Amino acid sequence: MRNKKELVIPKFASEKEDAQWHDRHRRQLEEAFLERLKAGEGLTLKQVLARAKLRPVTIRLANRDIETARKLAARKGIGYQTYIKMLLHEALHRESNRR
């Protein structure tokens, strides 16, 4: 049984608001995560990837593009690989809707 009140993640109007909220609640989120792991509720990376239907890929990018992505991602408070994945997803969605 959990003693602490469960943390509810709200809807965010922007990525910046999302990043700020997660930064402010980092300790609580980490504690909740550790509790779930101890209770056997955690998933392995393999399980997470299987559920998300993600497949790792390798691509070669220019150093300049990676550095630009790092800077832009840092402004948003997210990792550069996540940022690149978001951009790719948006571009693919936009292109597929052009038909």
PDB file of N, CA and C in Angstrom:
ATOM      1  N   MET A   1       0.841  -1.184   0.000  1.00  0.00           N
ATOM      2  CA  MET A   1       0.000   0.000   0.000  1.00  0.00           C
ATOM      3  C   MET A   1       0.881   1.239   0.000  1.00  0.00           C
ATOM      4  N   ARG A   2       0.544   2.183  -0.800  1.00  0.00           N
ATOM      5  CA  ARG A   2       1.326   3.409  -0.882  1.00  0.00           C
ATOM      6  C   ARG A   2       0.803   4.420   0.122  1.00  0.00           C
ATOM      7  N   ASN A   3       1.731   5.014   0.869  1.00  0.00           N
ATOM      8  CA  ASN A   3       1.363   6.007   1.867  1.00  0.00           C
ATOM      9  C   ASN A   3       1.172   7.381   1.257  1.00  0.00           C
ATOM     10  N   LYS A   4       1.952   7.675   0.238  1.00  0.00           N
ATOM     11  CA  LYS A   4       1.960   9.010  -0.336  1.00  0.00           C
ATOM     12  C   LYS A   4       0.851   9.164  -1.365  1.00  0.00           C
ATOM     13  N   LYS A   5       0.398  10.397  -1.499  1.00  0.00           N
ATOM     14  CA  LYS A   5      -0.603  10.723  -2.505  1.00  0.00           C
ATOM     15  C   LYS A   5       0.031  10.547  -3.885  1.00  0.00           C
ATOM     16  N   GLU A   6      -0.693   9.882  -4.784  1.00  0.00           N
ATOM     17  CA  GLU A   6      -0.164   9.666  -6.130  1.00  0.00           C
ATOM     18  C   GLU A   6      -0.041  10.987  -6.868  1.00  0.00           C
ATOM     19  N   LEU A   7       1.038  11.137  -7.570  1.00  0.00           N
ATOM     20  CA  LEU A   7       1.303  12.347  -8.339  1.00  0.00           C
ATOM     21  C   LEU A   7       0.569  12.252  -9.677  1.00  0.00           C
ATOM     22  N   VAL A   8      -0.232  13.250  -9.971  1.00  0.00           N
ATOM     23  CA  VAL A   8      -0.977  13.285 -11.227  1.00  0.00           C
ATOM     24  C   VAL A   8      -0.301  14.285 -12.160  1.00  0.00           C
ATOM     25  N   ILE A   9       0.052  13.804 -13.334  1.00  0.00           N
ATOM     26  CA  ILE A   9       0.717  14.671 -14.305  1.00  0.00           C
ATOM     27  C   ILE A   9      -0.365  15.393 -15.110  1.00  0.00           C
ATOM     28  N   PRO A  10      -0.366  16.717 -15.056  1.00  0.00           N
ATOM     29  CA  PRO A  10      -1.403  17.478 -15.768  1.00  0.00           C
ATOM     30  C   PRO A  10      -1.136  17.570 -17.265  1.00  0.00           C
ATOM     31  N   LYS A  11      -2.104  18.102 -17.991  1.00  0.00           N
ATOM     32  CA  LYS A  11      -1.929  18.407 -19.422  1.00  0.00           C
ATOM     33  C   LYS A  11      -1.163  19.731 -19.503  1.00  0.00           C
ATOM     34  N   PHE A  12      -0.303  19.857 -20.499  1.00  0.00           N
ATOM     35  CA  PHE A  12       0.524  21.055 -20.629  1.00  0.00           C
ATOM     36  C   PHE A  12       0.209  21.790 -21.924  1.00  0.00           C
ATOM     37  N   ALA A  13       0.318  23.096 -21.866  1.00  0.00           N
ATOM     38  CA  ALA A  13       0.064  23.926 -23.047  1.00  0.00           C
ATOM     39  C   ALA A  13       1.281  23.986 -23.964  1.00  0.00           C
ATOM     40  N   SER A  14       2.467  23.692 -23.412  1.00  0.00           N
ATOM     41  CA  SER A  14       3.687  23.775 -24.217  1.00  0.00           C
ATOM     42  C   SER A  14       4.725  22.806 -23.682  1.00  0.00           C
ATOM     43  N   GLU A  15       5.744  22.557 -24.495  1.00  0.00           N
ATOM     44  CA  GLU A  15       6.853  21.704 -24.063  1.00  0.00           C
ATOM     45  C   GLU A  15       7.613  22.361 -22.922  1.00  0.00           C
ATOM     46  N   LYS A  16       7.720  23.672 -22.970  1.00  0.00           N
ATOM     47  CA  LYS A  16       8.429  24.398 -21.918  1.00  0.00           C
ATOM     48  C   LYS A  16       7.722  24.221 -20.580  1.00  0.00           C
ATOM     49  N   GLU A  17       6.400  24.355 -20.591  1.00  0.00           N
ATOM     50  CA  GLU A  17       5.615  24.165 -19.367  1.00  0.00           C
ATOM     51  C   GLU A  17       5.771  22.731 -18.851  1.00  0.00           C
ATOM     52  N   ASP A  18       5.760  21.775 -19.770  1.00  0.00           N
ATOM     53  CA  ASP A  18       5.947  20.362 -19.434  1.00  0.00           C
ATOM     54  C   ASP A  18       7.309  20.157 -18.764  1.00  0.00           C
ATOM     55  N   ALA A  19       8.359  20.678 -19.388  1.00  0.00           N
ATOM     56  CA  ALA A  19       9.717  20.517 -18.850  1.00  0.00           C
ATOM     57  C   ALA A  19       9.847  21.168 -17.478  1.00  0.00           C
ATOM     58  N   GLN A  20       9.255  22.351 -17.311  1.00  0.00           N
ATOM     59  CA  GLN A  20       9.328  23.046 -16.019  1.00  0.00           C
ATOM     60  C   GLN A  20       8.620  22.253 -14.934  1.00  0.00           C
ATOM     61  N   TRP A  21       7.440  21.711 -15.232  1.00  0.00           N
ATOM     62  CA  TRP A  21       6.694  20.927 -14.245  1.00  0.00           C
ATOM     63  C   TRP A  21       7.496  19.680 -13.840  1.00  0.00           C
ATOM     64  N   HIS A  22       8.037  18.976 -14.835  1.00  0.00           N
ATOM     65  CA  HIS A  22       8.809  17.770 -14.538  1.00  0.00           C
ATOM     66  C   HIS A  22      10.071  18.098 -13.745  1.00  0.00           C
ATOM     67  N   ASP A  23      10.674  19.239 -14.034  1.00  0.00           N
ATOM     68  CA  ASP A  23      11.854  19.651 -13.280  1.00  0.00           C
ATOM     69  C   ASP A  23      11.487  19.932 -11.820  1.00  0.00           C
ATOM     70  N   ARG A  24      10.368  20.618 -11.598  1.00  0.00           N
ATOM     71  CA  ARG A  24       9.924  20.930 -10.230  1.00  0.00           C
ATOM     72  C   ARG A  24       9.530  19.678  -9.445  1.00  0.00           C
ATOM     73  N   HIS A  25       9.045  18.661 -10.128  1.00  0.00           N
ATOM     74  CA  HIS A  25       8.545  17.454  -9.459  1.00  0.00           C
ATOM     75  C   HIS A  25       9.482  16.257  -9.625  1.00  0.00           C
ATOM     76  N   ARG A  26      10.709  16.531 -10.024  1.00  0.00           N
ATOM     77  CA  ARG A  26      11.649  15.451 -10.310  1.00  0.00           C
ATOM     78  C   ARG A  26      11.824  14.479  -9.134  1.00  0.00           C
ATOM     79  N   ARG A  27      12.021  15.013  -7.948  1.00  0.00           N
ATOM     80  CA  ARG A  27      12.239  14.152  -6.774  1.00  0.00           C
ATOM     81  C   ARG A  27      11.032  13.237  -6.533  1.00  0.00           C
ATOM     82  N   GLN A  28       9.829  13.797  -6.603  1.00  0.00           N
ATOM     83  CA  GLN A  28       8.624  12.994  -6.393  1.00  0.00           C
ATOM     84  C   GLN A  28       8.487  11.923  -7.481  1.00  0.00           C
ATOM     85  N   LEU A  29       8.773  12.283  -8.717  1.00  0.00           N
ATOM     86  CA  LEU A  29       8.681  11.328  -9.818  1.00  0.00           C
ATOM     87  C   LEU A  29       9.696  10.195  -9.647  1.00  0.00           C
ATOM     88  N   GLU A  30      10.906  10.544  -9.236  1.00  0.00           N
ATOM     89  CA  GLU A  30      11.933   9.525  -9.013  1.00  0.00           C
ATOM     90  C   GLU A  30      11.544   8.593  -7.870  1.00  0.00           C
ATOM     91  N   GLU A  31      11.001   9.150  -6.789  1.00  0.00           N
ATOM     92  CA  GLU A  31      10.567   8.325  -5.662  1.00  0.00           C
ATOM     93  C   GLU A  31       9.444   7.374  -6.075  1.00  0.00           C
ATOM     94  N   ALA A  32       8.485   7.878  -6.844  1.00  0.00           N
ATOM     95  CA  ALA A  32       7.385   7.039  -7.312  1.00  0.00           C
ATOM     96  C   ALA A  32       7.909   5.931  -8.220  1.00  0.00           C
ATOM     97  N   PHE A  33       8.860   6.283  -9.060  1.00  0.00           N
ATOM     98  CA  PHE A  33       9.459   5.297  -9.957  1.00  0.00           C
ATOM     99  C   PHE A  33      10.162   4.190  -9.157  1.00  0.00           C
ATOM    100  N   LEU A  34      10.949   4.603  -8.155  1.00  0.00           N
ATOM    101  CA  LEU A  34      11.669   3.616  -7.342  1.00  0.00           C
ATOM    102  C   LEU A  34      10.699   2.724  -6.566  1.00  0.00           C
ATOM    103  N   GLU A  35       9.618   3.297  -6.055  1.00  0.00           N
ATOM    104  CA  GLU A  35       8.612   2.494  -5.357  1.00  0.00           C
ATOM    105  C   GLU A  35       8.023   1.431  -6.273  1.00  0.00           C
ATOM    106  N   ARG A  36       7.724   1.829  -7.493  1.00  0.00           N
ATOM    107  CA  ARG A  36       7.149   0.880  -8.446  1.00  0.00           C
ATOM    108  C   ARG A  36       8.149  -0.216  -8.810  1.00  0.00           C
ATOM    109  N   LEU A  37       9.419   0.165  -8.950  1.00  0.00           N
ATOM    110  CA  LEU A  37      10.437  -0.851  -9.240  1.00  0.00           C
ATOM    111  C   LEU A  37      10.542  -1.858  -8.097  1.00  0.00           C
ATOM    112  N   LYS A  38      10.571  -1.337  -6.871  1.00  0.00           N
ATOM    113  CA  LYS A  38      10.664  -2.216  -5.699  1.00  0.00           C
ATOM    114  C   LYS A  38       9.461  -3.144  -5.589  1.00  0.00           C
ATOM    115  N   ALA A  39       8.308  -2.665  -6.031  1.00  0.00           N
ATOM    116  CA  ALA A  39       7.085  -3.460  -5.973  1.00  0.00           C
ATOM    117  C   ALA A  39       6.973  -4.419  -7.162  1.00  0.00           C
ATOM    118  N   GLY A  40       7.973  -4.397  -8.027  1.00  0.00           N
ATOM    119  CA  GLY A  40       7.961  -5.278  -9.186  1.00  0.00           C
ATOM    120  C   GLY A  40       7.068  -4.787 -10.306  1.00  0.00           C
ATOM    121  N   GLU A  41       6.730  -3.510 -10.286  1.00  0.00           N
ATOM    122  CA  GLU A  41       5.844  -2.954 -11.307  1.00  0.00           C
ATOM    123  C   GLU A  41       6.610  -2.350 -12.479  1.00  0.00           C
ATOM    124  N   GLY A  42       7.923  -2.342 -12.410  1.00  0.00           N
ATOM    125  CA  GLY A  42       8.717  -1.734 -13.468  1.00  0.00           C
ATOM    126  C   GLY A  42       8.841  -2.643 -14.674  1.00  0.00           C
ATOM    127  N   LEU A  43       9.210  -2.068 -15.781  1.00  0.00           N
ATOM    128  CA  LEU A  43       9.411  -2.809 -17.019  1.00  0.00           C
ATOM    129  C   LEU A  43      10.872  -2.735 -17.426  1.00  0.00           C
ATOM    130  N   THR A  44      11.324  -3.764 -18.095  1.00  0.00           N
ATOM    131  CA  THR A  44      12.673  -3.722 -18.647  1.00  0.00           C
ATOM    132  C   THR A  44      12.642  -2.884 -19.920  1.00  0.00           C
ATOM    133  N   LEU A  45      13.795  -2.465 -20.386  1.00  0.00           N
ATOM    134  CA  LEU A  45      13.878  -1.688 -21.618  1.00  0.00           C
ATOM    135  C   LEU A  45      13.306  -2.497 -22.782  1.00  0.00           C
ATOM    136  N   LYS A  46      13.577  -3.761 -22.808  1.00  0.00           N
ATOM    137  CA  LYS A  46      13.062  -4.625 -23.871  1.00  0.00           C
ATOM    138  C   LYS A  46      11.532  -4.644 -23.855  1.00  0.00           C
ATOM    139  N   GLN A  47      10.932  -4.708 -22.664  1.00  0.00           N
ATOM    140  CA  GLN A  47       9.477  -4.695 -22.552  1.00  0.00           C
ATOM    141  C   GLN A  47       8.892  -3.351 -22.998  1.00  0.00           C
ATOM    142  N   VAL A  48       9.547  -2.269 -22.605  1.00  0.00           N
ATOM    143  CA  VAL A  48       9.070  -0.935 -22.989  1.00  0.00           C
ATOM    144  C   VAL A  48       9.105  -0.784 -24.506  1.00  0.00           C
ATOM    145  N   LEU A  49      10.213  -1.167 -25.123  1.00  0.00           N
ATOM    146  CA  LEU A  49      10.342  -1.049 -26.572  1.00  0.00           C
ATOM    147  C   LEU A  49       9.325  -1.928 -27.296  1.00  0.00           C
ATOM    148  N   ALA A  50       9.069  -3.116 -26.772  1.00  0.00           N
ATOM    149  CA  ALA A  50       8.088  -3.999 -27.395  1.00  0.00           C
ATOM    150  C   ALA A  50       6.696  -3.386 -27.333  1.00  0.00           C
ATOM    151  N   ARG A  51       6.353  -2.799 -26.204  1.00  0.00           N
ATOM    152  CA  ARG A  51       5.034  -2.175 -26.050  1.00  0.00           C
ATOM    153  C   ARG A  51       4.905  -0.923 -26.916  1.00  0.00           C
ATOM    154  N   ALA A  52       5.970  -0.183 -27.039  1.00  0.00           N
ATOM    155  CA  ALA A  52       5.930   1.063 -27.798  1.00  0.00           C
ATOM    156  C   ALA A  52       6.078   0.819 -29.298  1.00  0.00           C
ATOM    157  N   LYS A  53       6.397  -0.401 -29.664  1.00  0.00           N
ATOM    158  CA  LYS A  53       6.618  -0.750 -31.064  1.00  0.00           C
ATOM    159  C   LYS A  53       7.682   0.151 -31.688  1.00  0.00           C
ATOM    160  N   LEU A  54       8.746   0.343 -30.948  1.00  0.00           N
ATOM    161  CA  LEU A  54       9.879   1.130 -31.424  1.00  0.00           C
ATOM    162  C   LEU A  54      10.980   0.193 -31.895  1.00  0.00           C
ATOM    163  N   ARG A  55      11.721   0.643 -32.866  1.00  0.00           N
ATOM    164  CA  ARG A  55      12.854  -0.136 -33.345  1.00  0.00           C
ATOM    165  C   ARG A  55      14.045   0.791 -33.437  1.00  0.00           C
ATOM    166  N   PRO A  56      15.150   0.432 -32.828  1.00  0.00           N
ATOM    167  CA  PRO A  56      16.330   1.287 -32.900  1.00  0.00           C
ATOM    168  C   PRO A  56      16.888   1.317 -34.325  1.00  0.00           C
ATOM    169  N   VAL A  57      17.336   2.498 -34.742  1.00  0.00           N
ATOM    170  CA  VAL A  57      17.958   2.655 -36.058  1.00  0.00           C
ATOM    171  C   VAL A  57      19.233   3.474 -35.902  1.00  0.00           C
ATOM    172  N   THR A  58      20.097   3.359 -36.872  1.00  0.00           N
ATOM    173  CA  THR A  58      21.331   4.138 -36.882  1.00  0.00           C
ATOM    174  C   THR A  58      21.349   4.972 -38.147  1.00  0.00           C
ATOM    175  N   ILE A  59      21.562   6.275 -37.984  1.00  0.00           N
ATOM    176  CA  ILE A  59      21.709   7.155 -39.143  1.00  0.00           C
ATOM    177  C   ILE A  59      22.935   8.033 -38.913  1.00  0.00           C
ATOM    178  N   ARG A  60      23.527   8.453 -39.984  1.00  0.00           N
ATOM    179  CA  ARG A  60      24.681   9.341 -39.896  1.00  0.00           C
ATOM    180  C   ARG A  60      24.214  10.765 -40.166  1.00  0.00           C
ATOM    181  N   LEU A  61      24.568  11.662 -39.266  1.00  0.00           N
ATOM    182  CA  LEU A  61      24.190  13.066 -39.394  1.00  0.00           C
ATOM    183  C   LEU A  61      25.439  13.927 -39.345  1.00  0.00           C
ATOM    184  N   ALA A  62      25.378  15.063 -39.999  1.00  0.00           N
ATOM    185  CA  ALA A  62      26.501  15.996 -39.966  1.00  0.00           C
ATOM    186  C   ALA A  62      26.672  16.516 -38.537  1.00  0.00           C
ATOM    187  N   ASN A  63      27.921  16.687 -38.139  1.00  0.00           N
ATOM    188  CA  ASN A  63      28.206  17.214 -36.790  1.00  0.00           C
ATOM    189  C   ASN A  63      27.484  18.533 -36.544  1.00  0.00           C
ATOM    190  N   ARG A  64      27.464  19.385 -37.562  1.00  0.00           N
ATOM    191  CA  ARG A  64      26.816  20.685 -37.436  1.00  0.00           C
ATOM    192  C   ARG A  64      25.318  20.520 -37.121  1.00  0.00           C
ATOM    193  N   ASP A  65      24.660  19.546 -37.776  1.00  0.00           N
ATOM    194  CA  ASP A  65      23.235  19.304 -37.523  1.00  0.00           C
ATOM    195  C   ASP A  65      23.009  18.778 -36.108  1.00  0.00           C
ATOM    196  N   ILE A  66      23.897  17.930 -35.654  1.00  0.00           N
ATOM    197  CA  ILE A  66      23.767  17.388 -34.290  1.00  0.00           C
ATOM    198  C   ILE A  66      23.935  18.504 -33.267  1.00  0.00           C
ATOM    199  N   GLU A  67      24.916  19.355 -33.468  1.00  0.00           N
ATOM    200  CA  GLU A  67      25.136  20.470 -32.538  1.00  0.00           C
ATOM    201  C   GLU A  67      23.954  21.426 -32.520  1.00  0.00           C
ATOM    202  N   THR A  68      23.394  21.697 -33.692  1.00  0.00           N
ATOM    203  CA  THR A  68      22.210  22.564 -33.765  1.00  0.00           C
ATOM    204  C   THR A  68      21.050  21.902 -33.020  1.00  0.00           C
ATOM    205  N   ALA A  69      20.861  20.617 -33.239  1.00  0.00           N
ATOM    206  CA  ALA A  69      19.782  19.893 -32.552  1.00  0.00           C
ATOM    207  C   ALA A  69      19.986  19.916 -31.040  1.00  0.00           C
ATOM    208  N   ARG A  70      21.226  19.761 -30.590  1.00  0.00           N
ATOM    209  CA  ARG A  70      21.514  19.810 -29.147  1.00  0.00           C
ATOM    210  C   ARG A  70      21.122  21.164 -28.554  1.00  0.00           C
ATOM    211  N   LYS A  71      21.486  22.242 -29.251  1.00  0.00           N
ATOM    212  CA  LYS A  71      21.180  23.587 -28.748  1.00  0.00           C
ATOM    213  C   LYS A  71      19.678  23.834 -28.700  1.00  0.00           C
ATOM    214  N   LEU A  72      18.992  23.475 -29.781  1.00  0.00           N
ATOM    215  CA  LEU A  72      17.549  23.689 -29.834  1.00  0.00           C
ATOM    216  C   LEU A  72      16.818  22.821 -28.803  1.00  0.00           C
ATOM    217  N   ALA A  73      17.274  21.594 -28.649  1.00  0.00           N
ATOM    218  CA  ALA A  73      16.650  20.695 -27.673  1.00  0.00           C
ATOM    219  C   ALA A  73      16.864  21.206 -26.250  1.00  0.00           C
ATOM    220  N   ALA A  74      18.042  21.733 -25.981  1.00  0.00           N
ATOM    221  CA  ALA A  74      18.335  22.259 -24.638  1.00  0.00           C
ATOM    222  C   ALA A  74      17.393  23.405 -24.296  1.00  0.00           C
ATOM    223  N   ARG A  75      17.078  24.238 -25.273  1.00  0.00           N
ATOM    224  CA  ARG A  75      16.127  25.339 -25.047  1.00  0.00           C
ATOM    225  C   ARG A  75      14.752  24.823 -24.655  1.00  0.00           C
ATOM    226  N   LYS A  76      14.407  23.646 -25.169  1.00  0.00           N
ATOM    227  CA  LYS A  76      13.106  23.054 -24.880  1.00  0.00           C
ATOM    228  C   LYS A  76      13.147  22.169 -23.633  1.00  0.00           C
ATOM    229  N   GLY A  77      14.349  21.923 -23.132  1.00  0.00           N
ATOM    230  CA  GLY A  77      14.484  21.094 -21.940  1.00  0.00           C
ATOM    231  C   GLY A  77      14.334  19.612 -22.213  1.00  0.00           C
ATOM    232  N   ILE A  78      14.692  19.191 -23.437  1.00  0.00           N
ATOM    233  CA  ILE A  78      14.603  17.771 -23.788  1.00  0.00           C
ATOM    234  C   ILE A  78      15.927  17.326 -24.390  1.00  0.00           C
ATOM    235  N   GLY A  79      16.107  16.021 -24.519  1.00  0.00           N
ATOM    236  CA  GLY A  79      17.312  15.475 -25.115  1.00  0.00           C
ATOM    237  C   GLY A  79      17.323  15.676 -26.620  1.00  0.00           C
ATOM    238  N   TYR A  80      18.523  15.749 -27.193  1.00  0.00           N
ATOM    239  CA  TYR A  80      18.607  16.027 -28.622  1.00  0.00           C
ATOM    240  C   TYR A  80      18.080  14.885 -29.476  1.00  0.00           C
ATOM    241  N   GLN A  81      18.233  13.645 -29.025  1.00  0.00           N
ATOM    242  CA  GLN A  81      17.716  12.528 -29.801  1.00  0.00           C
ATOM    243  C   GLN A  81      16.188  12.530 -29.798  1.00  0.00           C
ATOM    244  N   THR A  82      15.614  12.870 -28.669  1.00  0.00           N
ATOM    245  CA  THR A  82      14.161  13.003 -28.587  1.00  0.00           C
ATOM    246  C   THR A  82      13.697  14.116 -29.515  1.00  0.00           C
ATOM    247  N   TYR A  83      14.427  15.216 -29.520  1.00  0.00           N
ATOM    248  CA  TYR A  83      14.092  16.352 -30.375  1.00  0.00           C
ATOM    249  C   TYR A  83      14.149  15.966 -31.858  1.00  0.00           C
ATOM    250  N   ILE A  84      15.205  15.264 -32.249  1.00  0.00           N
ATOM    251  CA  ILE A  84      15.342  14.831 -33.643  1.00  0.00           C
ATOM    252  C   ILE A  84      14.193  13.889 -34.004  1.00  0.00           C
ATOM    253  N   LYS A  85      13.847  12.989 -33.088  1.00  0.00           N
ATOM    254  CA  LYS A  85      12.743  12.059 -33.340  1.00  0.00           C
ATOM    255  C   LYS A  85      11.431  12.815 -33.515  1.00  0.00           C
ATOM    256  N   MET A  86      11.207  13.853 -32.700  1.00  0.00           N
ATOM    257  CA  MET A  86       9.999  14.662 -32.819  1.00  0.00           C
ATOM    258  C   MET A  86       9.950  15.363 -34.177  1.00  0.00           C
ATOM    259  N   LEU A  87      11.084  15.946 -34.589  1.00  0.00           N
ATOM    260  CA  LEU A  87      11.141  16.632 -35.878  1.00  0.00           C
ATOM    261  C   LEU A  87      10.863  15.675 -37.031  1.00  0.00           C
ATOM    262  N   LEU A  88      11.445  14.503 -36.961  1.00  0.00           N
ATOM    263  CA  LEU A  88      11.236  13.509 -38.013  1.00  0.00           C
ATOM    264  C   LEU A  88       9.771  13.095 -38.058  1.00  0.00           C
ATOM    265  N   HIS A  89       9.191  12.853 -36.898  1.00  0.00           N
ATOM    266  CA  HIS A  89       7.784  12.461 -36.830  1.00  0.00           C
ATOM    267  C   HIS A  89       6.893  13.549 -37.434  1.00  0.00           C
ATOM    268  N   GLU A  90       7.145  14.803 -37.061  1.00  0.00           N
ATOM    269  CA  GLU A  90       6.348  15.927 -37.589  1.00  0.00           C
ATOM    270  C   GLU A  90       6.503  16.045 -39.104  1.00  0.00           C
ATOM    271  N   ALA A  91       7.720  15.917 -39.596  1.00  0.00           N
ATOM    272  CA  ALA A  91       7.963  16.032 -41.037  1.00  0.00           C
ATOM    273  C   ALA A  91       7.278  14.891 -41.795  1.00  0.00           C
ATOM    274  N   LEU A  92       7.352  13.685 -41.276  1.00  0.00           N
ATOM    275  CA  LEU A  92       6.704  12.547 -41.937  1.00  0.00           C
ATOM    276  C   LEU A  92       5.186  12.726 -41.947  1.00  0.00           C
ATOM    277  N   HIS A  93       4.654  13.195 -40.851  1.00  0.00           N
ATOM    278  CA  HIS A  93       3.211  13.436 -40.756  1.00  0.00           C
ATOM    279  C   HIS A  93       2.788  14.511 -41.762  1.00  0.00           C
ATOM    280  N   ARG A  94       3.545  15.579 -41.814  1.00  0.00           N
ATOM    281  CA  ARG A  94       3.246  16.693 -42.729  1.00  0.00           C
ATOM    282  C   ARG A  94       3.307  16.211 -44.183  1.00  0.00           C
ATOM    283  N   GLU A  95       4.352  15.452 -44.527  1.00  0.00           N
ATOM    284  CA  GLU A  95       4.508  14.963 -45.899  1.00  0.00           C
ATOM    285  C   GLU A  95       3.412  13.969 -46.261  1.00  0.00           C
ATOM    286  N   SER A  96       3.019  13.129 -45.332  1.00  0.00           N
ATOM    287  CA  SER A  96       1.989  12.132 -45.638  1.00  0.00           C
ATOM    288  C   SER A  96       0.612  12.782 -45.807  1.00  0.00           C
ATOM    289  N   ASN A  97       0.416  13.967 -45.244  1.00  0.00           N
ATOM    290  CA  ASN A  97      -0.859  14.681 -45.386  1.00  0.00           C
ATOM    291  C   ASN A  97      -0.912  15.534 -46.645  1.00  0.00           C
ATOM    292  N   ARG A  98       0.178  15.633 -47.367  1.00  0.00           N
ATOM    293  CA  ARG A  98       0.224  16.452 -48.597  1.00  0.00           C
ATOM    294  C   ARG A  98      -0.470  15.767 -49.766  1.00  0.00           C
ATOM    295  N   ARG A  99      -0.744  14.516 -49.685  1.00  0.00           N
ATOM    296  CA  ARG A  99      -1.337  13.760 -50.802  1.00  0.00           C
ATOM    297  C   ARG A  99      -2.662  14.267 -51.189  1.00  0.00           C
TER     298      ARG A  99
END
